[in-house]
């Protein structure tokens, strides 16, 4: 499947200094911490990856008809909203 970036994700990556490599690593080897099968217009999942830049959460949507994984948004999780390890919300 091909990897595509939404405008929003690309904007957030620039704003938050998160590299394409960090996002690609999350897609390749990240851990799914939440799933949203009923999300509209496409089912999504939140992936956690520990990179050299620190922990990163990437929201991904899988478009089966286009054979693409779409990066919806990207951010660095903070302990104010996530428990230690960034796998469970507070």
N, C-alpha and C. Protein backbone atom coordinates (compact mmCIF):
# COMPACT_ATOMS: atom_id res chain seq x y z
N UNK A 1 0.84 -1.19 0.00
CA UNK A 1 0.00 0.00 0.00
C UNK A 1 0.89 1.24 0.00
N UNK A 2 0.44 2.25 -0.72
CA UNK A 2 1.16 3.51 -0.76
C UNK A 2 0.86 4.38 0.44
N UNK A 3 1.77 5.24 0.79
CA UNK A 3 1.60 6.14 1.92
C UNK A 3 1.31 7.54 1.39
N UNK A 4 0.18 8.11 1.88
CA UNK A 4 -0.20 9.48 1.49
C UNK A 4 -0.36 10.31 2.75
N UNK A 5 -0.15 11.61 2.61
CA UNK A 5 -0.27 12.55 3.72
C UNK A 5 -1.40 13.53 3.44
N UNK A 6 -2.30 13.70 4.41
CA UNK A 6 -3.31 14.75 4.27
C UNK A 6 -2.62 16.10 4.41
N UNK A 7 -3.26 17.14 3.93
CA UNK A 7 -2.70 18.48 4.10
C UNK A 7 -2.53 18.81 5.57
N UNK A 8 -3.53 18.40 6.36
CA UNK A 8 -3.49 18.64 7.80
C UNK A 8 -2.26 17.97 8.42
N UNK A 9 -2.03 16.71 8.07
CA UNK A 9 -0.89 15.98 8.63
C UNK A 9 0.43 16.65 8.24
N UNK A 10 0.54 17.00 6.99
CA UNK A 10 1.77 17.63 6.52
C UNK A 10 2.01 18.95 7.26
N UNK A 11 0.96 19.72 7.44
CA UNK A 11 1.05 20.99 8.15
C UNK A 11 1.49 20.76 9.60
N UNK A 12 0.89 19.75 10.26
CA UNK A 12 1.24 19.47 11.65
C UNK A 12 2.67 18.94 11.78
N UNK A 13 3.12 18.16 10.80
CA UNK A 13 4.49 17.67 10.82
C UNK A 13 5.47 18.84 10.77
N UNK A 14 5.20 19.80 9.91
CA UNK A 14 6.07 20.98 9.82
C UNK A 14 6.03 21.79 11.11
N UNK A 15 4.82 22.01 11.62
CA UNK A 15 4.62 22.79 12.83
C UNK A 15 5.30 22.16 14.04
N UNK A 16 5.28 20.83 14.10
CA UNK A 16 5.78 20.10 15.28
C UNK A 16 7.16 19.48 15.05
N UNK A 17 7.78 19.81 13.93
CA UNK A 17 9.12 19.30 13.61
C UNK A 17 9.20 17.78 13.68
N UNK A 18 8.24 17.12 13.05
CA UNK A 18 8.21 15.66 12.98
C UNK A 18 8.55 15.28 11.54
N UNK A 19 9.55 14.47 11.38
CA UNK A 19 10.06 14.14 10.05
C UNK A 19 9.21 13.09 9.34
N UNK A 20 9.33 13.08 8.03
CA UNK A 20 8.69 12.04 7.21
C UNK A 20 9.23 10.68 7.63
N UNK A 21 10.52 10.61 7.96
CA UNK A 21 11.12 9.34 8.38
C UNK A 21 10.48 8.82 9.67
N UNK A 22 10.19 9.71 10.61
CA UNK A 22 9.55 9.30 11.86
C UNK A 22 8.16 8.74 11.59
N UNK A 23 7.43 9.39 10.70
CA UNK A 23 6.08 8.92 10.36
C UNK A 23 6.16 7.59 9.62
N UNK A 24 7.08 7.48 8.68
CA UNK A 24 7.23 6.22 7.94
C UNK A 24 7.59 5.08 8.90
N UNK A 25 8.43 5.36 9.88
CA UNK A 25 8.80 4.35 10.88
C UNK A 25 7.58 3.93 11.69
N UNK A 26 6.73 4.89 12.05
CA UNK A 26 5.51 4.58 12.79
C UNK A 26 4.59 3.68 11.97
N UNK A 27 4.49 3.96 10.69
CA UNK A 27 3.64 3.15 9.82
C UNK A 27 4.21 1.73 9.72
N UNK A 28 5.53 1.63 9.58
CA UNK A 28 6.18 0.32 9.42
C UNK A 28 6.15 -0.52 10.68
N UNK A 29 6.49 0.10 11.81
CA UNK A 29 6.72 -0.72 13.00
C UNK A 29 6.04 -0.21 14.26
N UNK A 30 5.15 0.76 14.12
CA UNK A 30 4.48 1.31 15.29
C UNK A 30 3.48 0.35 15.90
N UNK A 31 3.11 0.65 17.13
CA UNK A 31 2.15 -0.15 17.88
C UNK A 31 0.78 0.52 17.85
N UNK A 32 -0.24 -0.21 17.45
CA UNK A 32 -1.59 0.33 17.44
C UNK A 32 -2.06 0.45 18.90
N UNK A 33 -2.41 1.68 19.32
CA UNK A 33 -2.85 1.89 20.70
C UNK A 33 -4.35 2.15 20.78
N UNK A 34 -4.97 2.57 19.68
CA UNK A 34 -6.42 2.75 19.61
C UNK A 34 -6.89 2.47 18.19
N UNK A 35 -8.09 1.91 18.09
CA UNK A 35 -8.70 1.67 16.78
C UNK A 35 -10.06 2.34 16.73
N UNK A 36 -10.38 2.87 15.56
CA UNK A 36 -11.66 3.55 15.35
C UNK A 36 -12.30 2.95 14.10
N UNK A 37 -12.84 1.73 14.19
CA UNK A 37 -13.39 1.06 13.00
C UNK A 37 -14.61 1.77 12.42
N UNK A 38 -15.33 2.55 13.23
CA UNK A 38 -16.52 3.24 12.75
C UNK A 38 -16.26 4.66 12.29
N UNK A 39 -15.01 5.06 12.23
CA UNK A 39 -14.68 6.44 11.82
C UNK A 39 -15.14 6.68 10.39
N UNK A 40 -15.54 7.93 10.13
CA UNK A 40 -16.02 8.29 8.81
C UNK A 40 -15.09 9.34 8.22
N UNK A 41 -14.68 9.27 7.02
CA UNK A 41 -15.14 8.37 5.97
C UNK A 41 -14.41 7.04 5.91
N UNK A 42 -13.30 6.87 6.65
CA UNK A 42 -12.53 5.62 6.62
C UNK A 42 -12.19 5.18 8.03
N UNK A 43 -12.13 3.88 8.27
CA UNK A 43 -11.66 3.39 9.58
C UNK A 43 -10.24 3.89 9.84
N UNK A 44 -9.96 4.18 11.11
CA UNK A 44 -8.65 4.73 11.48
C UNK A 44 -8.05 3.95 12.64
N UNK A 45 -6.76 4.17 12.83
CA UNK A 45 -6.08 3.63 14.00
C UNK A 45 -5.00 4.61 14.42
N UNK A 46 -4.78 4.66 15.73
CA UNK A 46 -3.75 5.52 16.30
C UNK A 46 -2.55 4.65 16.60
N UNK A 47 -1.40 5.05 16.07
CA UNK A 47 -0.18 4.27 16.18
C UNK A 47 0.85 5.05 16.99
N UNK A 48 1.54 4.35 17.88
CA UNK A 48 2.62 4.92 18.68
C UNK A 48 3.94 4.38 18.17
N UNK A 49 4.89 5.27 18.03
CA UNK A 49 6.24 4.87 17.63
C UNK A 49 7.24 5.66 18.45
N UNK A 50 8.26 4.99 18.94
CA UNK A 50 9.35 5.66 19.65
C UNK A 50 10.48 5.85 18.65
N UNK A 51 10.75 7.09 18.32
CA UNK A 51 11.77 7.43 17.33
C UNK A 51 12.93 8.14 18.01
N UNK A 52 13.95 8.44 17.26
CA UNK A 52 15.06 9.23 17.79
C UNK A 52 14.58 10.61 18.22
N UNK A 53 13.47 11.07 17.62
CA UNK A 53 12.89 12.37 17.94
C UNK A 53 11.98 12.30 19.16
N UNK A 54 11.78 11.12 19.74
CA UNK A 54 10.88 10.93 20.86
C UNK A 54 9.62 10.21 20.43
N UNK A 55 8.66 10.03 21.36
CA UNK A 55 7.44 9.33 21.02
C UNK A 55 6.58 10.16 20.05
N UNK A 56 5.95 9.47 19.13
CA UNK A 56 5.09 10.11 18.13
C UNK A 56 3.82 9.29 18.00
N UNK A 57 2.68 9.97 17.96
CA UNK A 57 1.41 9.35 17.63
C UNK A 57 1.04 9.74 16.21
N UNK A 58 0.61 8.75 15.43
CA UNK A 58 0.21 8.97 14.05
C UNK A 58 -1.18 8.37 13.87
N UNK A 59 -2.12 9.19 13.41
CA UNK A 59 -3.46 8.70 13.11
C UNK A 59 -3.49 8.32 11.64
N UNK A 60 -3.81 7.04 11.38
CA UNK A 60 -3.79 6.50 10.03
C UNK A 60 -5.17 6.03 9.61
N UNK A 61 -5.48 6.24 8.36
CA UNK A 61 -6.70 5.70 7.76
C UNK A 61 -6.28 4.79 6.61
N UNK A 62 -6.95 3.65 6.48
CA UNK A 62 -6.64 2.74 5.38
C UNK A 62 -7.74 2.81 4.34
N UNK A 63 -7.36 3.20 3.14
CA UNK A 63 -8.29 3.27 2.02
C UNK A 63 -8.07 2.05 1.15
N UNK A 64 -8.91 1.04 1.34
CA UNK A 64 -8.76 -0.23 0.62
C UNK A 64 -9.00 -0.06 -0.88
N UNK A 65 -9.91 0.82 -1.26
CA UNK A 65 -10.18 0.98 -2.70
C UNK A 65 -9.02 1.65 -3.41
N UNK A 66 -8.32 2.55 -2.74
CA UNK A 66 -7.18 3.25 -3.33
C UNK A 66 -5.86 2.54 -3.01
N UNK A 67 -5.92 1.48 -2.20
CA UNK A 67 -4.71 0.77 -1.76
C UNK A 67 -3.70 1.75 -1.17
N UNK A 68 -4.19 2.56 -0.23
CA UNK A 68 -3.34 3.60 0.36
C UNK A 68 -3.54 3.68 1.86
N UNK A 69 -2.48 4.03 2.55
CA UNK A 69 -2.54 4.39 3.96
C UNK A 69 -2.40 5.90 4.01
N UNK A 70 -3.38 6.54 4.63
CA UNK A 70 -3.42 8.00 4.68
C UNK A 70 -3.05 8.46 6.09
N UNK A 71 -2.05 9.31 6.17
CA UNK A 71 -1.66 9.91 7.44
C UNK A 71 -2.60 11.09 7.66
N UNK A 72 -3.45 10.98 8.69
CA UNK A 72 -4.47 11.99 8.97
C UNK A 72 -3.89 13.13 9.80
N UNK A 73 -3.19 12.77 10.88
CA UNK A 73 -2.54 13.77 11.72
C UNK A 73 -1.38 13.13 12.47
N UNK A 74 -0.52 13.97 13.00
CA UNK A 74 0.70 13.52 13.69
C UNK A 74 0.95 14.47 14.86
N UNK A 75 1.31 13.90 16.01
CA UNK A 75 1.63 14.75 17.15
C UNK A 75 2.53 14.02 18.12
N UNK A 76 3.13 14.79 19.01
CA UNK A 76 3.92 14.22 20.10
C UNK A 76 2.99 14.15 21.32
N UNK A 77 2.74 12.95 21.82
CA UNK A 77 1.85 12.83 22.98
C UNK A 77 2.48 13.45 24.22
N UNK A 78 1.63 13.98 25.11
CA UNK A 78 2.16 14.53 26.35
C UNK A 78 1.54 13.83 27.55
N UNK A 79 2.27 13.82 28.65
CA UNK A 79 1.83 13.10 29.84
C UNK A 79 0.62 13.74 30.51
N UNK A 80 0.26 14.95 30.12
CA UNK A 80 -0.95 15.56 30.65
C UNK A 80 -2.21 14.89 30.13
N UNK A 81 -2.11 14.25 28.99
CA UNK A 81 -3.26 13.60 28.36
C UNK A 81 -3.13 12.08 28.28
N UNK A 82 -1.90 11.59 28.44
CA UNK A 82 -1.62 10.17 28.30
C UNK A 82 -0.91 9.64 29.54
N UNK A 83 -1.19 8.39 29.88
CA UNK A 83 -0.46 7.73 30.96
C UNK A 83 0.96 7.45 30.48
N UNK A 84 1.84 7.17 31.43
CA UNK A 84 3.23 6.80 31.12
C UNK A 84 3.24 5.71 30.04
N UNK A 85 4.07 5.88 29.05
CA UNK A 85 4.14 4.92 27.94
C UNK A 85 3.31 5.35 26.75
N UNK A 86 2.40 6.31 26.93
CA UNK A 86 1.60 6.91 25.86
C UNK A 86 0.69 5.91 25.14
N UNK A 87 0.23 4.86 25.87
CA UNK A 87 -0.65 3.85 25.27
C UNK A 87 -2.11 4.00 25.71
N UNK A 88 -2.31 4.68 26.85
CA UNK A 88 -3.68 4.86 27.37
C UNK A 88 -3.91 6.32 27.73
N UNK A 89 -5.10 6.80 27.34
CA UNK A 89 -5.46 8.19 27.68
C UNK A 89 -5.79 8.31 29.16
N UNK A 90 -5.59 9.49 29.68
CA UNK A 90 -5.97 9.78 31.07
C UNK A 90 -7.47 10.00 31.15
